[in-house]
Amino acid sequence: MLRSLVGSEMCIRDRLDHMQWQSEFEQLGTARKKAISEWKQRQQESREKEVEMQAAQAEENLKPSEDELRKKALEKRYRKNQAEKLHRWRADKAQQEADEQK
């Protein structure tokens, strides 16, 4: 059958084949671009989740533990008691000096 085709008919046949291939390549290109775009989007979302997890972990690490909070409260109470004792001692000493001067 191919031998019986004239030149113009062969050109028409070849052009139709070319158009079919071109259409398939365009569809493949579009599918490839879409797949790449989706992959990039998933990568970005994955990076964002990782950053959020790292930020949450860093924030958690910055929070003092209950033991640290208790220790700070005890230290604060101790410093306050020491300050009160010092204040009372100074007041007693001043009173003793005042009594001695009389």
PDB file of N, CA and C in Angstrom:
ATOM      1  N   MET A   1       0.827  -1.190   0.000  1.00  0.00           N
ATOM      2  CA  MET A   1       0.000   0.000   0.000  1.00  0.00           C
ATOM      3  C   MET A   1       0.866   1.247   0.000  1.00  0.00           C
ATOM      4  N   LEU A   2       1.967   1.243   0.714  1.00  0.00           N
ATOM      5  CA  LEU A   2       2.812   2.426   0.772  1.00  0.00           C
ATOM      6  C   LEU A   2       3.341   2.798  -0.597  1.00  0.00           C
ATOM      7  N   ARG A   3       3.584   1.838  -1.409  1.00  0.00           N
ATOM      8  CA  ARG A   3       4.126   2.133  -2.726  1.00  0.00           C
ATOM      9  C   ARG A   3       3.096   2.801  -3.617  1.00  0.00           C
ATOM     10  N   SER A   4       1.855   2.606  -3.305  1.00  0.00           N
ATOM     11  CA  SER A   4       0.827   3.183  -4.154  1.00  0.00           C
ATOM     12  C   SER A   4       0.470   4.613  -3.754  1.00  0.00           C
ATOM     13  N   LEU A   5       0.991   5.094  -2.584  1.00  0.00           N
ATOM     14  CA  LEU A   5       0.690   6.458  -2.163  1.00  0.00           C
ATOM     15  C   LEU A   5       1.503   7.443  -2.990  1.00  0.00           C
ATOM     16  N   VAL A   6       0.884   8.501  -3.348  1.00  0.00           N
ATOM     17  CA  VAL A   6       1.601   9.568  -4.051  1.00  0.00           C
ATOM     18  C   VAL A   6       2.265  10.468  -3.029  1.00  0.00           C
ATOM     19  N   GLY A   7       3.148  11.318  -3.443  1.00  0.00           N
ATOM     20  CA  GLY A   7       3.917  12.180  -2.554  1.00  0.00           C
ATOM     21  C   GLY A   7       3.057  13.018  -1.635  1.00  0.00           C
ATOM     22  N   SER A   8       1.998  13.625  -2.142  1.00  0.00           N
ATOM     23  CA  SER A   8       1.159  14.488  -1.305  1.00  0.00           C
ATOM     24  C   SER A   8       0.438  13.669  -0.245  1.00  0.00           C
ATOM     25  N   GLU A   9       0.013  12.464  -0.578  1.00  0.00           N
ATOM     26  CA  GLU A   9      -0.645  11.612   0.401  1.00  0.00           C
ATOM     27  C   GLU A   9       0.328  11.180   1.493  1.00  0.00           C
ATOM     28  N   MET A  10       1.593  10.940   1.121  1.00  0.00           N
ATOM     29  CA  MET A  10       2.603  10.583   2.109  1.00  0.00           C
ATOM     30  C   MET A  10       2.867  11.759   3.044  1.00  0.00           C
ATOM     31  N   CYS A  11       2.848  12.963   2.484  1.00  0.00           N
ATOM     32  CA  CYS A  11       3.063  14.148   3.329  1.00  0.00           C
ATOM     33  C   CYS A  11       1.925  14.301   4.331  1.00  0.00           C
ATOM     34  N   ILE A  12       0.699  14.064   3.870  1.00  0.00           N
ATOM     35  CA  ILE A  12      -0.454  14.164   4.766  1.00  0.00           C
ATOM     36  C   ILE A  12      -0.331  13.126   5.882  1.00  0.00           C
ATOM     37  N   ARG A  13       0.029  11.884   5.510  1.00  0.00           N
ATOM     38  CA  ARG A  13       0.184  10.826   6.507  1.00  0.00           C
ATOM     39  C   ARG A  13       1.277  11.187   7.508  1.00  0.00           C
ATOM     40  N   ASP A  14       2.407  11.662   7.034  1.00  0.00           N
ATOM     41  CA  ASP A  14       3.512  12.023   7.917  1.00  0.00           C
ATOM     42  C   ASP A  14       3.145  13.198   8.819  1.00  0.00           C
ATOM     43  N   ARG A  15       2.399  14.173   8.248  1.00  0.00           N
ATOM     44  CA  ARG A  15       2.008  15.328   9.049  1.00  0.00           C
ATOM     45  C   ARG A  15       1.058  14.895  10.173  1.00  0.00           C
ATOM     46  N   LEU A  16       0.142  13.996   9.901  1.00  0.00           N
ATOM     47  CA  LEU A  16      -0.771  13.508  10.932  1.00  0.00           C
ATOM     48  C   LEU A  16       0.002  12.757  12.016  1.00  0.00           C
ATOM     49  N   ASP A  17       0.986  11.939  11.620  1.00  0.00           N
ATOM     50  CA  ASP A  17       1.821  11.253  12.616  1.00  0.00           C
ATOM     51  C   ASP A  17       2.572  12.259  13.472  1.00  0.00           C
ATOM     52  N   HIS A  18       3.119  13.277  12.794  1.00  0.00           N
ATOM     53  CA  HIS A  18       3.869  14.314  13.520  1.00  0.00           C
ATOM     54  C   HIS A  18       2.958  15.046  14.511  1.00  0.00           C
ATOM     55  N   MET A  19       1.755  15.361  14.082  1.00  0.00           N
ATOM     56  CA  MET A  19       0.814  16.062  14.961  1.00  0.00           C
ATOM     57  C   MET A  19       0.444  15.190  16.165  1.00  0.00           C
ATOM     58  N   GLN A  20       0.275  13.893  15.915  1.00  0.00           N
ATOM     59  CA  GLN A  20      -0.051  12.987  17.013  1.00  0.00           C
ATOM     60  C   GLN A  20       1.107  12.925  18.004  1.00  0.00           C
ATOM     61  N   TRP A  21       2.336  12.790  17.511  1.00  0.00           N
ATOM     62  CA  TRP A  21       3.510  12.750  18.390  1.00  0.00           C
ATOM     63  C   TRP A  21       3.679  14.061  19.151  1.00  0.00           C
ATOM     64  N   GLN A  22       3.456  15.159  18.451  1.00  0.00           N
ATOM     65  CA  GLN A  22       3.600  16.466  19.105  1.00  0.00           C
ATOM     66  C   GLN A  22       2.587  16.611  20.239  1.00  0.00           C
ATOM     67  N   SER A  23       1.367  16.166  20.016  1.00  0.00           N
ATOM     68  CA  SER A  23       0.335  16.223  21.039  1.00  0.00           C
ATOM     69  C   SER A  23       0.719  15.364  22.238  1.00  0.00           C
ATOM     70  N   GLU A  24       1.244  14.158  21.973  1.00  0.00           N
ATOM     71  CA  GLU A  24       1.654  13.288  23.065  1.00  0.00           C
ATOM     72  C   GLU A  24       2.818  13.888  23.851  1.00  0.00           C
ATOM     73  N   PHE A  25       3.780  14.499  23.144  1.00  0.00           N
ATOM     74  CA  PHE A  25       4.905  15.138  23.834  1.00  0.00           C
ATOM     75  C   PHE A  25       4.439  16.312  24.685  1.00  0.00           C
ATOM     76  N   GLU A  26       3.484  17.076  24.173  1.00  0.00           N
ATOM     77  CA  GLU A  26       2.947  18.201  24.953  1.00  0.00           C
ATOM     78  C   GLU A  26       2.239  17.697  26.210  1.00  0.00           C
ATOM     79  N   GLN A  27       1.489  16.612  26.071  1.00  0.00           N
ATOM     80  CA  GLN A  27       0.813  16.043  27.239  1.00  0.00           C
ATOM     81  C   GLN A  27       1.834  15.533  28.257  1.00  0.00           C
ATOM     82  N   LEU A  28       2.885  14.888  27.772  1.00  0.00           N
ATOM     83  CA  LEU A  28       3.937  14.415  28.669  1.00  0.00           C
ATOM     84  C   LEU A  28       4.627  15.590  29.363  1.00  0.00           C
ATOM     85  N   GLY A  29       4.884  16.645  28.607  1.00  0.00           N
ATOM     86  CA  GLY A  29       5.519  17.835  29.183  1.00  0.00           C
ATOM     87  C   GLY A  29       4.647  18.467  30.258  1.00  0.00           C
ATOM     88  N   THR A  30       3.352  18.548  29.977  1.00  0.00           N
ATOM     89  CA  THR A  30       2.424  19.120  30.951  1.00  0.00           C
ATOM     90  C   THR A  30       2.355  18.248  32.206  1.00  0.00           C
ATOM     91  N   ALA A  31       2.290  16.934  32.016  1.00  0.00           N
ATOM     92  CA  ALA A  31       2.248  16.015  33.158  1.00  0.00           C
ATOM     93  C   ALA A  31       3.541  16.113  33.958  1.00  0.00           C
ATOM     94  N   ARG A  32       4.678  16.238  33.254  1.00  0.00           N
ATOM     95  CA  ARG A  32       5.974  16.361  33.932  1.00  0.00           C
ATOM     96  C   ARG A  32       6.034  17.644  34.750  1.00  0.00           C
ATOM     97  N   LYS A  33       5.589  18.747  34.141  1.00  0.00           N
ATOM     98  CA  LYS A  33       5.587  20.025  34.864  1.00  0.00           C
ATOM     99  C   LYS A  33       4.688  19.957  36.090  1.00  0.00           C
ATOM    100  N   LYS A  34       3.534  19.323  35.951  1.00  0.00           N
ATOM    101  CA  LYS A  34       2.614  19.197  37.074  1.00  0.00           C
ATOM    102  C   LYS A  34       3.231  18.347  38.179  1.00  0.00           C
ATOM    103  N   ALA A  35       3.868  17.236  37.794  1.00  0.00           N
ATOM    104  CA  ALA A  35       4.501  16.363  38.787  1.00  0.00           C
ATOM    105  C   ALA A  35       5.623  17.102  39.517  1.00  0.00           C
ATOM    106  N   ILE A  36       6.421  17.867  38.779  1.00  0.00           N
ATOM    107  CA  ILE A  36       7.504  18.631  39.403  1.00  0.00           C
ATOM    108  C   ILE A  36       6.931  19.680  40.350  1.00  0.00           C
ATOM    109  N   SER A  37       5.889  20.356  39.924  1.00  0.00           N
ATOM    110  CA  SER A  37       5.256  21.370  40.765  1.00  0.00           C
ATOM    111  C   SER A  37       4.708  20.761  42.049  1.00  0.00           C
ATOM    112  N   GLU A  38       4.045  19.615  41.936  1.00  0.00           N
ATOM    113  CA  GLU A  38       3.509  18.938  43.119  1.00  0.00           C
ATOM    114  C   GLU A  38       4.629  18.481  44.043  1.00  0.00           C
ATOM    115  N   TRP A  39       5.718  17.976  43.455  1.00  0.00           N
ATOM    116  CA  TRP A  39       6.858  17.544  44.258  1.00  0.00           C
ATOM    117  C   TRP A  39       7.463  18.715  45.016  1.00  0.00           C
ATOM    118  N   LYS A  40       7.625  19.845  44.329  1.00  0.00           N
ATOM    119  CA  LYS A  40       8.166  21.037  44.984  1.00  0.00           C
ATOM    120  C   LYS A  40       7.258  21.492  46.122  1.00  0.00           C
ATOM    121  N   GLN A  41       5.952  21.432  45.905  1.00  0.00           N
ATOM    122  CA  GLN A  41       4.994  21.827  46.935  1.00  0.00           C
ATOM    123  C   GLN A  41       5.113  20.915  48.158  1.00  0.00           C
ATOM    124  N   ARG A  42       5.218  19.597  47.924  1.00  0.00           N
ATOM    125  CA  ARG A  42       5.381  18.663  49.035  1.00  0.00           C
ATOM    126  C   ARG A  42       6.695  18.904  49.774  1.00  0.00           C
ATOM    127  N   GLN A  43       7.753  19.201  49.039  1.00  0.00           N
ATOM    128  CA  GLN A  43       9.045  19.492  49.666  1.00  0.00           C
ATOM    129  C   GLN A  43       8.937  20.735  50.548  1.00  0.00           C
ATOM    130  N   GLN A  44       8.265  21.763  50.034  1.00  0.00           N
ATOM    131  CA  GLN A  44       8.105  23.012  50.795  1.00  0.00           C
ATOM    132  C   GLN A  44       7.293  22.762  52.063  1.00  0.00           C
ATOM    133  N   GLU A  45       6.199  22.014  51.940  1.00  0.00           N
ATOM    134  CA  GLU A  45       5.373  21.694  53.102  1.00  0.00           C
ATOM    135  C   GLU A  45       6.162  20.880  54.121  1.00  0.00           C
ATOM    136  N   SER A  46       6.973  19.956  53.625  1.00  0.00           N
ATOM    137  CA  SER A  46       7.790  19.138  54.521  1.00  0.00           C
ATOM    138  C   SER A  46       8.800  20.013  55.269  1.00  0.00           C
ATOM    139  N   ARG A  47       9.436  20.951  54.553  1.00  0.00           N
ATOM    140  CA  ARG A  47      10.388  21.857  55.196  1.00  0.00           C
ATOM    141  C   ARG A  47       9.695  22.723  56.235  1.00  0.00           C
ATOM    142  N   GLU A  48       8.507  23.226  55.904  1.00  0.00           N
ATOM    143  CA  GLU A  48       7.765  24.069  56.846  1.00  0.00           C
ATOM    144  C   GLU A  48       7.403  23.291  58.107  1.00  0.00           C
ATOM    145  N   LYS A  49       6.953  22.041  57.943  1.00  0.00           N
ATOM    146  CA  LYS A  49       6.626  21.214  59.111  1.00  0.00           C
ATOM    147  C   LYS A  49       7.864  20.970  59.959  1.00  0.00           C
ATOM    148  N   GLU A  50       8.994  20.720  59.300  1.00  0.00           N
ATOM    149  CA  GLU A  50      10.232  20.471  60.034  1.00  0.00           C
ATOM    150  C   GLU A  50      10.648  21.699  60.827  1.00  0.00           C
ATOM    151  N   VAL A  51      10.517  22.875  60.200  1.00  0.00           N
ATOM    152  CA  VAL A  51      10.860  24.124  60.896  1.00  0.00           C
ATOM    153  C   VAL A  51       9.933  24.338  62.088  1.00  0.00           C
ATOM    154  N   GLU A  52       8.637  24.070  61.904  1.00  0.00           N
ATOM    155  CA  GLU A  52       7.681  24.214  63.007  1.00  0.00           C
ATOM    156  C   GLU A  52       8.020  23.259  64.152  1.00  0.00           C
ATOM    157  N   MET A  53       8.387  22.031  63.812  1.00  0.00           N
ATOM    158  CA  MET A  53       8.736  21.058  64.841  1.00  0.00           C
ATOM    159  C   MET A  53       9.999  21.488  65.586  1.00  0.00           C
ATOM    160  N   GLN A  54      10.979  22.003  64.851  1.00  0.00           N
ATOM    161  CA  GLN A  54      12.210  22.471  65.491  1.00  0.00           C
ATOM    162  C   GLN A  54      11.926  23.661  66.396  1.00  0.00           C
ATOM    163  N   ALA A  55      11.060  24.565  65.943  1.00  0.00           N
ATOM    164  CA  ALA A  55      10.712  25.736  66.761  1.00  0.00           C
ATOM    165  C   ALA A  55       9.985  25.295  68.029  1.00  0.00           C
ATOM    166  N   ALA A  56       9.069  24.346  67.894  1.00  0.00           N
ATOM    167  CA  ALA A  56       8.340  23.847  69.069  1.00  0.00           C
ATOM    168  C   ALA A  56       9.298  23.162  70.040  1.00  0.00           C
ATOM    169  N   GLN A  57      10.242  22.396  69.490  1.00  0.00           N
ATOM    170  CA  GLN A  57      11.222  21.710  70.341  1.00  0.00           C
ATOM    171  C   GLN A  57      12.111  22.732  71.046  1.00  0.00           C
ATOM    172  N   ALA A  58      12.533  23.763  70.319  1.00  0.00           N
ATOM    173  CA  ALA A  58      13.375  24.798  70.925  1.00  0.00           C
ATOM    174  C   ALA A  58      12.608  25.529  72.023  1.00  0.00           C
ATOM    175  N   GLU A  59      11.340  25.812  71.769  1.00  0.00           N
ATOM    176  CA  GLU A  59      10.511  26.487  72.772  1.00  0.00           C
ATOM    177  C   GLU A  59      10.345  25.606  74.009  1.00  0.00           C
ATOM    178  N   GLU A  60      10.153  24.313  73.772  1.00  0.00           N
ATOM    179  CA  GLU A  60      10.005  23.375  74.882  1.00  0.00           C
ATOM    180  C   GLU A  60      11.291  23.307  75.702  1.00  0.00           C
ATOM    181  N   ASN A  61      12.425  23.355  75.015  1.00  0.00           N
ATOM    182  CA  ASN A  61      13.714  23.307  75.705  1.00  0.00           C
ATOM    183  C   ASN A  61      13.965  24.566  76.526  1.00  0.00           C
ATOM    184  N   LEU A  62      13.369  25.683  76.103  1.00  0.00           N
ATOM    185  CA  LEU A  62      13.562  26.936  76.822  1.00  0.00           C
ATOM    186  C   LEU A  62      12.718  27.008  78.092  1.00  0.00           C
ATOM    187  N   LYS A  63      11.626  26.257  78.121  1.00  0.00           N
ATOM    188  CA  LYS A  63      10.769  26.276  79.305  1.00  0.00           C
ATOM    189  C   LYS A  63      11.486  25.582  80.466  1.00  0.00           C
ATOM    190  N   PRO A  64      11.482  26.221  81.615  1.00  0.00           N
ATOM    191  CA  PRO A  64      12.124  25.564  82.758  1.00  0.00           C
ATOM    192  C   PRO A  64      11.292  24.367  83.224  1.00  0.00           C
ATOM    193  N   SER A  65      11.986  23.371  83.711  1.00  0.00           N
ATOM    194  CA  SER A  65      11.289  22.187  84.208  1.00  0.00           C
ATOM    195  C   SER A  65      10.692  22.509  85.584  1.00  0.00           C
ATOM    196  N   GLU A  66       9.861  21.610  86.071  1.00  0.00           N
ATOM    197  CA  GLU A  66       9.243  21.824  87.386  1.00  0.00           C
ATOM    198  C   GLU A  66      10.296  21.856  88.483  1.00  0.00           C
ATOM    199  N   ASP A  67      11.317  21.026  88.361  1.00  0.00           N
ATOM    200  CA  ASP A  67      12.395  21.030  89.357  1.00  0.00           C
ATOM    201  C   ASP A  67      13.119  22.377  89.366  1.00  0.00           C
ATOM    202  N   GLU A  68      13.356  22.919  88.156  1.00  0.00           N
ATOM    203  CA  GLU A  68      14.025  24.222  88.085  1.00  0.00           C
ATOM    204  C   GLU A  68      13.152  25.311  88.699  1.00  0.00           C
ATOM    205  N   LEU A  69      11.847  25.238  88.435  1.00  0.00           N
ATOM    206  CA  LEU A  69      10.931  26.229  89.008  1.00  0.00           C
ATOM    207  C   LEU A  69      10.914  26.136  90.533  1.00  0.00           C
ATOM    208  N   ARG A  70      10.872  24.904  91.059  1.00  0.00           N
ATOM    209  CA  ARG A  70      10.915  24.727  92.520  1.00  0.00           C
ATOM    210  C   ARG A  70      12.216  25.270  93.100  1.00  0.00           C
ATOM    211  N   LYS A  71      13.304  24.967  92.441  1.00  0.00           N
ATOM    212  CA  LYS A  71      14.606  25.427  92.912  1.00  0.00           C
ATOM    213  C   LYS A  71      14.660  26.951  92.947  1.00  0.00           C
ATOM    214  N   LYS A  72      14.156  27.598  91.899  1.00  0.00           N
ATOM    215  CA  LYS A  72      14.147  29.064  91.864  1.00  0.00           C
ATOM    216  C   LYS A  72      13.259  29.635  92.968  1.00  0.00           C
ATOM    217  N   ALA A  73      12.115  28.988  93.200  1.00  0.00           N
ATOM    218  CA  ALA A  73      11.215  29.458  94.257  1.00  0.00           C
ATOM    219  C   ALA A  73      11.883  29.327  95.622  1.00  0.00           C
ATOM    220  N   LEU A  74      12.559  28.199  95.847  1.00  0.00           N
ATOM    221  CA  LEU A  74      13.268  28.009  97.116  1.00  0.00           C
ATOM    222  C   LEU A  74      14.395  29.028  97.286  1.00  0.00           C
ATOM    223  N   GLU A  75      15.130  29.275  96.217  1.00  0.00           N
ATOM    224  CA  GLU A  75      16.208  30.264  96.280  1.00  0.00           C
ATOM    225  C   GLU A  75      15.650  31.655  96.588  1.00  0.00           C
ATOM    226  N   LYS A  76      14.532  31.991  95.961  1.00  0.00           N
ATOM    227  CA  LYS A  76      13.915  33.299  96.196  1.00  0.00           C
ATOM    228  C   LYS A  76      13.475  33.415  97.655  1.00  0.00           C
ATOM    229  N   ARG A  77      12.818  32.357  98.152  1.00  0.00           N
ATOM    230  CA  ARG A  77      12.377  32.356  99.546  1.00  0.00           C
ATOM    231  C   ARG A  77      13.588  32.460 100.497  1.00  0.00           C
ATOM    232  N   TYR A  78      14.669  31.741 100.182  1.00  0.00           N
ATOM    233  CA  TYR A  78      15.876  31.778 101.013  1.00  0.00           C
ATOM    234  C   TYR A  78      16.469  33.198 101.034  1.00  0.00           C
ATOM    235  N   ARG A  79      16.580  33.820  99.862  1.00  0.00           N
ATOM    236  CA  ARG A  79      17.120  35.188  99.806  1.00  0.00           C
ATOM    237  C   ARG A  79      16.247  36.162 100.583  1.00  0.00           C
ATOM    238  N   LYS A  80      14.932  35.975 100.496  1.00  0.00           N
ATOM    239  CA  LYS A  80      14.022  36.847 101.226  1.00  0.00           C
ATOM    240  C   LYS A  80      14.211  36.661 102.738  1.00  0.00           C
ATOM    241  N   ASN A  81      14.301  35.410 103.184  1.00  0.00           N
ATOM    242  CA  ASN A  81      14.523  35.140 104.610  1.00  0.00           C
ATOM    243  C   ASN A  81      15.855  35.722 105.071  1.00  0.00           C
ATOM    244  N   GLN A  82      16.887  35.576 104.247  1.00  0.00           N
ATOM    245  CA  GLN A  82      18.192  36.124 104.613  1.00  0.00           C
ATOM    246  C   GLN A  82      18.131  37.650 104.716  1.00  0.00           C
ATOM    247  N   ALA A  83      17.424  38.260 103.798  1.00  0.00           N
ATOM    248  CA  ALA A  83      17.290  39.720 103.831  1.00  0.00           C
ATOM    249  C   ALA A  83      16.537  40.156 105.084  1.00  0.00           C
ATOM    250  N   GLU A  84      15.476  39.418 105.440  1.00  0.00           N
ATOM    251  CA  GLU A  84      14.718  39.742 106.657  1.00  0.00           C
ATOM    252  C   GLU A  84      15.589  39.569 107.910  1.00  0.00           C
ATOM    253  N   LYS A  85      16.376  38.509 107.958  1.00  0.00           N
ATOM    254  CA  LYS A  85      17.273  38.291 109.097  1.00  0.00           C
ATOM    255  C   LYS A  85      18.289  39.431 109.202  1.00  0.00           C
ATOM    256  N   LEU A  86      18.854  39.820 108.069  1.00  0.00           N
ATOM    257  CA  LEU A  86      19.826  40.907 108.066  1.00  0.00           C
ATOM    258  C   LEU A  86      19.176  42.203 108.540  1.00  0.00           C
ATOM    259  N   HIS A  87      17.967  42.455 108.081  1.00  0.00           N
ATOM    260  CA  HIS A  87      17.251  43.663 108.486  1.00  0.00           C
ATOM    261  C   HIS A  87      17.004  43.643 110.011  1.00  0.00           C
ATOM    262  N   ARG A  88      16.540  42.493 110.528  1.00  0.00           N
ATOM    263  CA  ARG A  88      16.314  42.377 111.973  1.00  0.00           C
ATOM    264  C   ARG A  88      17.610  42.532 112.759  1.00  0.00           C
ATOM    265  N   TRP A  89      18.682  41.943 112.256  1.00  0.00           N
ATOM    266  CA  TRP A  89      19.981  42.043 112.931  1.00  0.00           C
ATOM    267  C   TRP A  89      20.434  43.495 112.996  1.00  0.00           C
ATOM    268  N   ARG A  90      20.286  44.215 111.870  1.00  0.00           N
ATOM    269  CA  ARG A  90      20.682  45.625 111.865  1.00  0.00           C
ATOM    270  C   ARG A  90      19.816  46.441 112.827  1.00  0.00           C
ATOM    271  N   ALA A  91      18.519  46.139 112.846  1.00  0.00           N
ATOM    272  CA  ALA A  91      17.624  46.857 113.749  1.00  0.00           C
ATOM    273  C   ALA A  91      18.001  46.558 115.202  1.00  0.00           C
ATOM    274  N   ASP A  92      18.281  45.289 115.515  1.00  0.00           N
ATOM    275  CA  ASP A  92      18.698  44.927 116.877  1.00  0.00           C
ATOM    276  C   ASP A  92      20.016  45.599 117.243  1.00  0.00           C
ATOM    277  N   LYS A  93      20.953  45.626 116.329  1.00  0.00           N
ATOM    278  CA  LYS A  93      22.252  46.242 116.580  1.00  0.00           C
ATOM    279  C   LYS A  93      22.091  47.738 116.831  1.00  0.00           C
ATOM    280  N   ALA A  94      21.239  48.380 116.005  1.00  0.00           N
ATOM    281  CA  ALA A  94      20.996  49.816 116.196  1.00  0.00           C
ATOM    282  C   ALA A  94      20.339  50.063 117.548  1.00  0.00           C
ATOM    283  N   GLN A  95      19.427  49.176 117.927  1.00  0.00           N
ATOM    284  CA  GLN A  95      18.757  49.313 119.223  1.00  0.00           C
ATOM    285  C   GLN A  95      19.773  49.155 120.359  1.00  0.00           C
ATOM    286  N   GLN A  96      20.675  48.165 120.220  1.00  0.00           N
ATOM    287  CA  GLN A  96      21.698  47.961 121.263  1.00  0.00           C
ATOM    288  C   GLN A  96      22.616  49.184 121.382  1.00  0.00           C
ATOM    289  N   GLU A  97      22.998  49.740 120.264  1.00  0.00           N
ATOM    290  CA  GLU A  97      23.855  50.935 120.295  1.00  0.00           C
ATOM    291  C   GLU A  97      23.120  52.101 120.912  1.00  0.00           C
ATOM    292  N   ALA A  98      21.842  52.213 120.622  1.00  0.00           N
ATOM    293  CA  ALA A  98      21.052  53.298 121.204  1.00  0.00           C
ATOM    294  C   ALA A  98      20.937  53.095 122.716  1.00  0.00           C
ATOM    295  N   ASP A  99      20.770  51.858 123.155  1.00  0.00           N
ATOM    296  CA  ASP A  99      20.661  51.559 124.591  1.00  0.00           C
ATOM    297  C   ASP A  99      21.989  51.850 125.306  1.00  0.00           C
ATOM    298  N   GLU A 100      23.103  51.550 124.651  1.00  0.00           N
ATOM    299  CA  GLU A 100      24.410  51.769 125.247  1.00  0.00           C
ATOM    300  C   GLU A 100      24.709  53.269 125.395  1.00  0.00           C
ATOM    301  N   GLN A 101      24.224  54.054 124.494  1.00  0.00           N
ATOM    302  CA  GLN A 101      24.497  55.480 124.538  1.00  0.00           C
ATOM    303  C   GLN A 101      23.675  56.181 125.639  1.00  0.00           C
ATOM    304  N   LYS A 102      22.660  55.573 126.104  1.00  0.00           N
ATOM    305  CA  LYS A 102      21.821  56.180 127.122  1.00  0.00           C
ATOM    306  C   LYS A 102      22.471  56.138 128.418  1.00  0.00           C
TER     307      LYS A 102
END
